[in-house]
Amino acid sequence: MIDQALLADSEALLEAFRRAGLRLATAESCTGGLIAAVLTAIPGSSDVLERGFVTYSNAAKTDLLGVDSRLIGRVGAVSAEVAEAMARGALARSLAEVALAVTGIAGPGGGTEEKPVGLVFLAGVRAGRAPRIERHLFGGDRTAVRLAAVRAAFALARALV
């Protein structure tokens, strides 16, 4: 699943964080910890990856990240608002200076006309800065959507360094 290009991207991202003296926390839903897994495939990643939260269920988003359950009820777990709340929660509950969050519908089921399979929201928060939110619609099967989300998360993280 993890190809050499993705590993090289992970290594470059870790090095950018090291040079900037920043640590990273992740909050993952549809990727199920894949962002953290790709980062930790690189030896020495523990000096950058401070912690990762896998919050696949709505209850986990609330319990571990402090996402308001009323927000989830109002806009749904797959939304820009929840992605931002996840990133803010990861930042607040870690020692990191940067947090990434991802929530989406990887498929093959679970999609609707309003929120189709492949819809992914990413949020990045760096302490003291405005959050960055991205909406993506990725194609392909479940694995392709999850890997595309990881690549997009790495690009967002680079923009936050």
N, C-alpha and C. Protein backbone atom coordinates (compact mmCIF):
# COMPACT_ATOMS: atom_id res chain seq x y z
N MET A 1 0.82 -1.20 0.00
CA MET A 1 0.00 0.00 0.00
C MET A 1 0.86 1.26 0.00
N ILE A 2 1.92 1.27 0.78
CA ILE A 2 2.79 2.46 0.86
C ILE A 2 3.90 2.30 -0.17
N ASP A 3 3.88 3.14 -1.19
CA ASP A 3 4.91 3.05 -2.24
C ASP A 3 6.11 3.93 -1.89
N GLN A 4 7.15 3.78 -2.69
CA GLN A 4 8.40 4.50 -2.44
C GLN A 4 8.23 6.01 -2.55
N ALA A 5 7.38 6.46 -3.47
CA ALA A 5 7.17 7.90 -3.62
C ALA A 5 6.52 8.49 -2.37
N LEU A 6 5.57 7.76 -1.80
CA LEU A 6 4.92 8.25 -0.59
C LEU A 6 5.88 8.25 0.59
N LEU A 7 6.72 7.24 0.66
CA LEU A 7 7.74 7.21 1.72
C LEU A 7 8.72 8.36 1.57
N ALA A 8 9.11 8.66 0.35
CA ALA A 8 10.03 9.79 0.11
C ALA A 8 9.36 11.10 0.49
N ASP A 9 8.08 11.24 0.18
CA ASP A 9 7.32 12.43 0.55
C ASP A 9 7.25 12.55 2.07
N SER A 10 7.04 11.44 2.75
CA SER A 10 6.99 11.41 4.21
C SER A 10 8.32 11.85 4.80
N GLU A 11 9.40 11.32 4.25
CA GLU A 11 10.73 11.67 4.75
C GLU A 11 11.01 13.16 4.56
N ALA A 12 10.63 13.71 3.41
CA ALA A 12 10.84 15.14 3.14
C ALA A 12 10.00 16.00 4.08
N LEU A 13 8.78 15.56 4.36
CA LEU A 13 7.93 16.31 5.27
C LEU A 13 8.52 16.31 6.69
N LEU A 14 8.97 15.17 7.14
CA LEU A 14 9.59 15.09 8.46
C LEU A 14 10.80 16.01 8.56
N GLU A 15 11.60 16.03 7.51
CA GLU A 15 12.80 16.88 7.52
C GLU A 15 12.41 18.37 7.54
N ALA A 16 11.37 18.74 6.82
CA ALA A 16 10.91 20.14 6.84
C ALA A 16 10.46 20.53 8.24
N PHE A 17 9.76 19.63 8.92
CA PHE A 17 9.32 19.91 10.30
C PHE A 17 10.53 20.02 11.22
N ARG A 18 11.51 19.14 11.05
CA ARG A 18 12.72 19.20 11.89
C ARG A 18 13.43 20.54 11.71
N ARG A 19 13.64 20.95 10.47
CA ARG A 19 14.32 22.21 10.20
C ARG A 19 13.59 23.39 10.83
N ALA A 20 12.26 23.32 10.84
CA ALA A 20 11.45 24.41 11.41
C ALA A 20 11.29 24.28 12.92
N GLY A 21 11.73 23.17 13.50
CA GLY A 21 11.58 22.96 14.94
C GLY A 21 10.14 22.75 15.36
N LEU A 22 9.35 22.11 14.49
CA LEU A 22 7.93 21.90 14.76
C LEU A 22 7.61 20.43 14.99
N ARG A 23 6.60 20.21 15.82
CA ARG A 23 6.07 18.85 16.03
C ARG A 23 4.65 18.79 15.48
N LEU A 24 4.22 17.59 15.14
CA LEU A 24 2.95 17.36 14.46
C LEU A 24 2.08 16.39 15.25
N ALA A 25 0.79 16.70 15.30
CA ALA A 25 -0.22 15.77 15.81
C ALA A 25 -1.22 15.52 14.68
N THR A 26 -1.73 14.30 14.61
CA THR A 26 -2.72 13.97 13.59
C THR A 26 -4.02 13.53 14.24
N ALA A 27 -5.11 13.84 13.57
CA ALA A 27 -6.46 13.39 13.99
C ALA A 27 -7.10 12.79 12.74
N GLU A 28 -7.25 11.49 12.73
CA GLU A 28 -7.68 10.80 11.52
C GLU A 28 -8.99 10.04 11.72
N SER A 29 -9.84 10.16 10.72
CA SER A 29 -11.07 9.39 10.69
C SER A 29 -11.00 8.41 9.51
N CYS A 30 -11.32 8.84 8.30
CA CYS A 30 -11.40 7.91 7.17
C CYS A 30 -10.06 7.26 6.82
N THR A 31 -8.96 7.86 7.19
CA THR A 31 -7.65 7.26 6.92
C THR A 31 -7.23 6.26 8.00
N GLY A 32 -7.94 6.24 9.11
CA GLY A 32 -7.73 5.22 10.13
C GLY A 32 -6.32 5.10 10.65
N GLY A 33 -5.57 6.18 10.69
CA GLY A 33 -4.20 6.13 11.20
C GLY A 33 -3.15 5.99 10.11
N LEU A 34 -3.57 6.03 8.85
CA LEU A 34 -2.62 5.83 7.75
C LEU A 34 -1.61 6.97 7.65
N ILE A 35 -2.03 8.19 7.94
CA ILE A 35 -1.07 9.31 7.91
C ILE A 35 0.05 9.05 8.91
N ALA A 36 -0.33 8.71 10.13
CA ALA A 36 0.68 8.41 11.16
C ALA A 36 1.50 7.19 10.78
N ALA A 37 0.86 6.19 10.18
CA ALA A 37 1.59 4.97 9.79
C ALA A 37 2.66 5.27 8.75
N VAL A 38 2.32 6.10 7.77
CA VAL A 38 3.30 6.44 6.73
C VAL A 38 4.45 7.25 7.33
N LEU A 39 4.12 8.18 8.22
CA LEU A 39 5.18 8.96 8.86
C LEU A 39 6.08 8.08 9.72
N THR A 40 5.49 7.16 10.47
CA THR A 40 6.29 6.33 11.37
C THR A 40 7.00 5.19 10.65
N ALA A 41 6.77 5.04 9.36
CA ALA A 41 7.55 4.09 8.58
C ALA A 41 8.98 4.59 8.40
N ILE A 42 9.21 5.87 8.68
CA ILE A 42 10.52 6.47 8.55
C ILE A 42 11.21 6.45 9.92
N PRO A 43 12.38 5.84 10.03
CA PRO A 43 13.10 5.83 11.31
C PRO A 43 13.37 7.25 11.81
N GLY A 44 13.21 7.46 13.11
CA GLY A 44 13.46 8.76 13.71
C GLY A 44 12.29 9.72 13.66
N SER A 45 11.16 9.25 13.19
CA SER A 45 9.99 10.13 13.05
C SER A 45 9.44 10.61 14.39
N SER A 46 9.83 9.97 15.47
CA SER A 46 9.29 10.35 16.78
C SER A 46 9.71 11.74 17.23
N ASP A 47 10.72 12.32 16.61
CA ASP A 47 11.08 13.69 16.98
C ASP A 47 10.16 14.72 16.32
N VAL A 48 9.31 14.28 15.39
CA VAL A 48 8.35 15.17 14.74
C VAL A 48 6.92 14.78 15.08
N LEU A 49 6.57 13.52 14.90
CA LEU A 49 5.20 13.09 15.16
C LEU A 49 5.01 12.95 16.67
N GLU A 50 4.32 13.93 17.24
CA GLU A 50 4.14 13.97 18.69
C GLU A 50 3.09 12.96 19.14
N ARG A 51 1.98 12.87 18.41
CA ARG A 51 0.97 11.85 18.67
C ARG A 51 -0.04 11.83 17.55
N GLY A 52 -0.79 10.72 17.50
CA GLY A 52 -1.84 10.58 16.52
C GLY A 52 -3.11 10.08 17.18
N PHE A 53 -4.22 10.64 16.76
CA PHE A 53 -5.54 10.23 17.25
C PHE A 53 -6.28 9.56 16.10
N VAL A 54 -6.75 8.34 16.31
CA VAL A 54 -7.62 7.70 15.33
C VAL A 54 -9.02 7.79 15.91
N THR A 55 -9.82 8.65 15.30
CA THR A 55 -11.16 8.94 15.82
C THR A 55 -12.18 8.60 14.74
N TYR A 56 -12.33 7.32 14.52
CA TYR A 56 -13.18 6.82 13.45
C TYR A 56 -14.66 7.06 13.76
N SER A 57 -15.05 6.88 14.99
CA SER A 57 -16.46 7.07 15.36
C SER A 57 -16.71 8.50 15.81
N ASN A 58 -17.97 8.90 15.77
CA ASN A 58 -18.34 10.22 16.27
C ASN A 58 -18.04 10.35 17.75
N ALA A 59 -18.27 9.28 18.51
CA ALA A 59 -18.00 9.31 19.95
C ALA A 59 -16.51 9.55 20.20
N ALA A 60 -15.65 8.95 19.40
CA ALA A 60 -14.21 9.16 19.57
C ALA A 60 -13.83 10.60 19.26
N LYS A 61 -14.46 11.18 18.25
CA LYS A 61 -14.18 12.59 17.93
C LYS A 61 -14.53 13.47 19.12
N THR A 62 -15.63 13.16 19.77
CA THR A 62 -16.08 13.93 20.93
C THR A 62 -15.20 13.65 22.15
N ASP A 63 -15.00 12.37 22.45
CA ASP A 63 -14.26 11.99 23.66
C ASP A 63 -12.79 12.37 23.61
N LEU A 64 -12.12 12.09 22.49
CA LEU A 64 -10.67 12.29 22.41
C LEU A 64 -10.26 13.68 21.95
N LEU A 65 -11.09 14.31 21.12
CA LEU A 65 -10.72 15.60 20.54
C LEU A 65 -11.58 16.76 21.01
N GLY A 66 -12.65 16.46 21.72
CA GLY A 66 -13.52 17.52 22.21
C GLY A 66 -14.44 18.12 21.16
N VAL A 67 -14.64 17.41 20.04
CA VAL A 67 -15.57 17.91 19.02
C VAL A 67 -16.98 17.88 19.60
N ASP A 68 -17.67 18.97 19.52
CA ASP A 68 -19.02 19.09 20.07
C ASP A 68 -19.97 18.16 19.32
N SER A 69 -20.64 17.28 20.03
CA SER A 69 -21.57 16.33 19.39
C SER A 69 -22.71 17.06 18.69
N ARG A 70 -23.07 18.24 19.16
CA ARG A 70 -24.13 19.01 18.49
C ARG A 70 -23.66 19.49 17.12
N LEU A 71 -22.36 19.81 17.01
CA LEU A 71 -21.80 20.20 15.71
C LEU A 71 -21.88 19.03 14.74
N ILE A 72 -21.49 17.86 15.20
CA ILE A 72 -21.56 16.66 14.36
C ILE A 72 -23.01 16.42 13.95
N GLY A 73 -23.94 16.56 14.88
CA GLY A 73 -25.35 16.36 14.57
C GLY A 73 -25.88 17.37 13.56
N ARG A 74 -25.37 18.57 13.62
CA ARG A 74 -25.86 19.65 12.75
C ARG A 74 -25.28 19.57 11.33
N VAL A 75 -23.96 19.35 11.21
CA VAL A 75 -23.33 19.40 9.89
C VAL A 75 -22.80 18.06 9.41
N GLY A 76 -22.78 17.07 10.28
CA GLY A 76 -22.26 15.75 9.92
C GLY A 76 -20.77 15.64 10.17
N ALA A 77 -20.33 14.41 10.39
CA ALA A 77 -18.92 14.17 10.69
C ALA A 77 -18.03 14.51 9.49
N VAL A 78 -18.56 14.36 8.29
CA VAL A 78 -17.80 14.66 7.09
C VAL A 78 -18.16 16.08 6.67
N SER A 79 -17.39 17.03 7.21
CA SER A 79 -17.65 18.44 6.97
C SER A 79 -16.39 19.25 7.28
N ALA A 80 -16.34 20.43 6.70
CA ALA A 80 -15.22 21.33 6.97
C ALA A 80 -15.18 21.71 8.44
N GLU A 81 -16.35 21.94 9.02
CA GLU A 81 -16.43 22.37 10.42
C GLU A 81 -15.90 21.31 11.37
N VAL A 82 -16.25 20.06 11.12
CA VAL A 82 -15.77 18.99 11.99
C VAL A 82 -14.27 18.76 11.78
N ALA A 83 -13.81 18.84 10.54
CA ALA A 83 -12.37 18.69 10.29
C ALA A 83 -11.59 19.75 11.07
N GLU A 84 -12.08 20.99 11.03
CA GLU A 84 -11.40 22.05 11.78
C GLU A 84 -11.44 21.79 13.28
N ALA A 85 -12.59 21.37 13.78
CA ALA A 85 -12.71 21.08 15.22
C ALA A 85 -11.78 19.93 15.62
N MET A 86 -11.65 18.94 14.75
CA MET A 86 -10.73 17.83 15.02
C MET A 86 -9.29 18.33 15.10
N ALA A 87 -8.89 19.17 14.16
CA ALA A 87 -7.52 19.69 14.17
C ALA A 87 -7.26 20.55 15.40
N ARG A 88 -8.22 21.40 15.73
CA ARG A 88 -8.06 22.24 16.93
C ARG A 88 -7.99 21.37 18.19
N GLY A 89 -8.79 20.32 18.24
CA GLY A 89 -8.76 19.42 19.38
C GLY A 89 -7.44 18.69 19.50
N ALA A 90 -6.89 18.25 18.38
CA ALA A 90 -5.60 17.55 18.40
C ALA A 90 -4.49 18.50 18.85
N LEU A 91 -4.55 19.74 18.40
CA LEU A 91 -3.54 20.71 18.82
C LEU A 91 -3.64 20.98 20.32
N ALA A 92 -4.86 21.13 20.82
CA ALA A 92 -5.07 21.43 22.23
C ALA A 92 -4.71 20.26 23.14
N ARG A 93 -4.79 19.03 22.62
CA ARG A 93 -4.56 17.84 23.43
C ARG A 93 -3.21 17.19 23.15
N SER A 94 -2.28 18.00 22.66
CA SER A 94 -0.95 17.47 22.36
C SER A 94 0.09 18.53 22.71
N LEU A 95 1.33 18.16 22.51
CA LEU A 95 2.45 19.09 22.69
C LEU A 95 2.95 19.60 21.34
N ALA A 96 2.19 19.36 20.29
CA ALA A 96 2.58 19.75 18.94
C ALA A 96 2.26 21.21 18.66
N GLU A 97 2.94 21.75 17.67
CA GLU A 97 2.67 23.11 17.21
C GLU A 97 1.78 23.12 15.96
N VAL A 98 1.67 21.95 15.32
CA VAL A 98 0.86 21.80 14.11
C VAL A 98 -0.01 20.56 14.25
N ALA A 99 -1.25 20.67 13.80
CA ALA A 99 -2.15 19.51 13.81
C ALA A 99 -2.83 19.39 12.45
N LEU A 100 -2.96 18.16 12.00
CA LEU A 100 -3.68 17.82 10.78
C LEU A 100 -4.86 16.96 11.13
N ALA A 101 -5.99 17.18 10.45
CA ALA A 101 -7.16 16.34 10.64
C ALA A 101 -7.74 15.96 9.30
N VAL A 102 -8.31 14.77 9.24
CA VAL A 102 -8.95 14.29 8.01
C VAL A 102 -10.24 13.56 8.38
N THR A 103 -11.29 13.85 7.63
CA THR A 103 -12.57 13.16 7.77
C THR A 103 -13.18 13.05 6.39
N GLY A 104 -13.76 11.90 6.09
CA GLY A 104 -14.31 11.73 4.76
C GLY A 104 -15.02 10.41 4.59
N ILE A 105 -15.37 10.12 3.35
CA ILE A 105 -16.08 8.90 3.00
C ILE A 105 -15.22 8.14 2.00
N ALA A 106 -14.55 7.10 2.48
CA ALA A 106 -13.63 6.34 1.64
C ALA A 106 -14.33 5.30 0.78
N GLY A 107 -15.54 4.91 1.16
CA GLY A 107 -16.31 3.95 0.36
C GLY A 107 -15.99 2.51 0.71
N PRO A 108 -16.55 1.57 0.00
CA PRO A 108 -17.36 1.78 -1.19
C PRO A 108 -18.78 2.27 -0.89
N GLY A 109 -19.25 2.09 0.33
CA GLY A 109 -20.59 2.56 0.69
C GLY A 109 -20.50 3.82 1.52
N GLY A 110 -21.66 4.29 1.98
CA GLY A 110 -21.71 5.42 2.88
C GLY A 110 -21.91 6.76 2.23
N GLY A 111 -21.79 6.82 0.91
CA GLY A 111 -21.95 8.09 0.23
C GLY A 111 -23.42 8.42 -0.04
N THR A 112 -23.66 9.71 -0.21
CA THR A 112 -24.99 10.21 -0.59
C THR A 112 -24.79 11.18 -1.75
N GLU A 113 -25.90 11.67 -2.28
CA GLU A 113 -25.80 12.65 -3.36
C GLU A 113 -25.09 13.92 -2.87
N GLU A 114 -25.40 14.31 -1.65
CA GLU A 114 -24.79 15.51 -1.06
C GLU A 114 -23.35 15.29 -0.64
N LYS A 115 -23.07 14.09 -0.14
CA LYS A 115 -21.72 13.74 0.32
C LYS A 115 -21.33 12.40 -0.29
N PRO A 116 -20.77 12.46 -1.51
CA PRO A 116 -20.46 11.22 -2.22
C PRO A 116 -19.20 10.52 -1.71
N VAL A 117 -19.08 9.26 -2.07
CA VAL A 117 -17.85 8.52 -1.79
C VAL A 117 -16.69 9.28 -2.42
N GLY A 118 -15.62 9.41 -1.68
CA GLY A 118 -14.45 10.14 -2.14
C GLY A 118 -14.35 11.55 -1.60
N LEU A 119 -15.44 12.03 -0.94
CA LEU A 119 -15.41 13.37 -0.35
C LEU A 119 -14.56 13.34 0.92
N VAL A 120 -13.57 14.21 0.96
CA VAL A 120 -12.65 14.28 2.10
C VAL A 120 -12.41 15.74 2.47
N PHE A 121 -12.48 16.02 3.76
CA PHE A 121 -12.13 17.34 4.28
C PHE A 121 -10.86 17.20 5.09
N LEU A 122 -9.92 18.11 4.83
CA LEU A 122 -8.68 18.18 5.59
C LEU A 122 -8.63 19.52 6.30
N ALA A 123 -8.07 19.51 7.48
CA ALA A 123 -7.85 20.77 8.21
C ALA A 123 -6.45 20.73 8.78
N GLY A 124 -5.81 21.89 8.71
CA GLY A 124 -4.50 22.05 9.31
C GLY A 124 -4.49 23.28 10.18
N VAL A 125 -3.95 23.13 11.37
CA VAL A 125 -3.87 24.25 12.31
C VAL A 125 -2.44 24.34 12.81
N ARG A 126 -1.90 25.54 12.72
CA ARG A 126 -0.59 25.82 13.34
C ARG A 126 -0.84 26.84 14.44
N ALA A 127 -0.27 26.61 15.59
CA ALA A 127 -0.48 27.48 16.74
C ALA A 127 -0.28 28.94 16.35
N GLY A 128 -1.24 29.77 16.70
CA GLY A 128 -1.14 31.20 16.46
C GLY A 128 -1.49 31.65 15.06
N ARG A 129 -1.94 30.74 14.21
CA ARG A 129 -2.28 31.09 12.83
C ARG A 129 -3.71 30.65 12.51
N ALA A 130 -4.24 31.23 11.44
CA ALA A 130 -5.58 30.84 10.99
C ALA A 130 -5.55 29.41 10.45
N PRO A 131 -6.62 28.66 10.65
CA PRO A 131 -6.65 27.29 10.14
C PRO A 131 -6.75 27.27 8.62
N ARG A 132 -6.32 26.17 8.04
CA ARG A 132 -6.47 25.95 6.60
C ARG A 132 -7.36 24.74 6.42
N ILE A 133 -8.41 24.91 5.64
CA ILE A 133 -9.38 23.84 5.41
C ILE A 133 -9.41 23.55 3.91
N GLU A 134 -9.44 22.28 3.57
CA GLU A 134 -9.52 21.87 2.16
C GLU A 134 -10.63 20.85 1.98
N ARG A 135 -11.30 20.96 0.84
CA ARG A 135 -12.33 19.99 0.43
C ARG A 135 -11.82 19.30 -0.83
N HIS A 136 -11.84 17.98 -0.82
CA HIS A 136 -11.39 17.19 -1.97
C HIS A 136 -12.46 16.18 -2.34
N LEU A 137 -12.50 15.82 -3.60
CA LEU A 137 -13.33 14.72 -4.07
C LEU A 137 -12.40 13.79 -4.85
N PHE A 138 -11.98 12.72 -4.20
CA PHE A 138 -11.03 11.78 -4.79
C PHE A 138 -11.77 10.64 -5.47
N GLY A 139 -11.21 10.15 -6.55
CA GLY A 139 -11.78 9.01 -7.25
C GLY A 139 -11.08 7.72 -6.86
N GLY A 140 -11.65 6.63 -7.35
CA GLY A 140 -11.04 5.33 -7.13
C GLY A 140 -11.70 4.56 -6.00
N ASP A 141 -11.08 3.43 -5.68
CA ASP A 141 -11.61 2.57 -4.63
C ASP A 141 -11.20 3.09 -3.25
N ARG A 142 -11.57 2.36 -2.23
CA ARG A 142 -11.30 2.76 -0.85
C ARG A 142 -9.82 3.05 -0.61
N THR A 143 -8.96 2.17 -1.09
CA THR A 143 -7.52 2.36 -0.91
C THR A 143 -7.04 3.62 -1.62
N ALA A 144 -7.51 3.84 -2.84
CA ALA A 144 -7.11 5.02 -3.60
C ALA A 144 -7.54 6.30 -2.90
N VAL A 145 -8.74 6.32 -2.35
CA VAL A 145 -9.23 7.52 -1.64
C VAL A 145 -8.37 7.77 -0.41
N ARG A 146 -8.09 6.73 0.34
CA ARG A 146 -7.30 6.90 1.57
C ARG A 146 -5.88 7.37 1.25
N LEU A 147 -5.26 6.79 0.23
CA LEU A 147 -3.90 7.21 -0.14
C LEU A 147 -3.88 8.64 -0.68
N ALA A 148 -4.89 9.01 -1.45
CA ALA A 148 -4.98 10.38 -1.94
C ALA A 148 -5.13 11.36 -0.78
N ALA A 149 -5.89 10.96 0.23
CA ALA A 149 -6.05 11.81 1.41
C ALA A 149 -4.72 11.99 2.14
N VAL A 150 -3.93 10.94 2.23
CA VAL A 150 -2.61 11.04 2.87
C VAL A 150 -1.73 12.01 2.08
N ARG A 151 -1.70 11.87 0.77
CA ARG A 151 -0.88 12.77 -0.06
C ARG A 151 -1.32 14.23 0.11
N ALA A 152 -2.63 14.44 0.11
CA ALA A 152 -3.15 15.81 0.28
C ALA A 152 -2.83 16.34 1.67
N ALA A 153 -2.89 15.48 2.67
CA ALA A 153 -2.54 15.90 4.03
C ALA A 153 -1.08 16.30 4.13
N PHE A 154 -0.21 15.57 3.46
CA PHE A 154 1.22 15.92 3.46
C PHE A 154 1.43 17.28 2.78
N ALA A 155 0.72 17.52 1.68
CA ALA A 155 0.85 18.83 1.00
C ALA A 155 0.37 19.95 1.91
N LEU A 156 -0.74 19.72 2.62
CA LEU A 156 -1.24 20.72 3.55
C LEU A 156 -0.24 20.96 4.68
N ALA A 157 0.33 19.89 5.19
CA ALA A 157 1.32 20.03 6.27
C ALA A 157 2.53 20.84 5.82
N ARG A 158 2.98 20.59 4.59
CA ARG A 158 4.12 21.37 4.07
C ARG A 158 3.78 22.86 4.02
N ALA A 159 2.54 23.17 3.69
CA ALA A 159 2.11 24.58 3.62
C ALA A 159 2.07 25.23 5.00
N LEU A 160 1.99 24.42 6.04
CA LEU A 160 1.91 24.94 7.40
C LEU A 160 3.28 25.14 8.06
N VAL A 161 4.32 24.60 7.44
CA VAL A 161 5.67 24.68 8.03
C VAL A 161 6.20 26.10 8.00
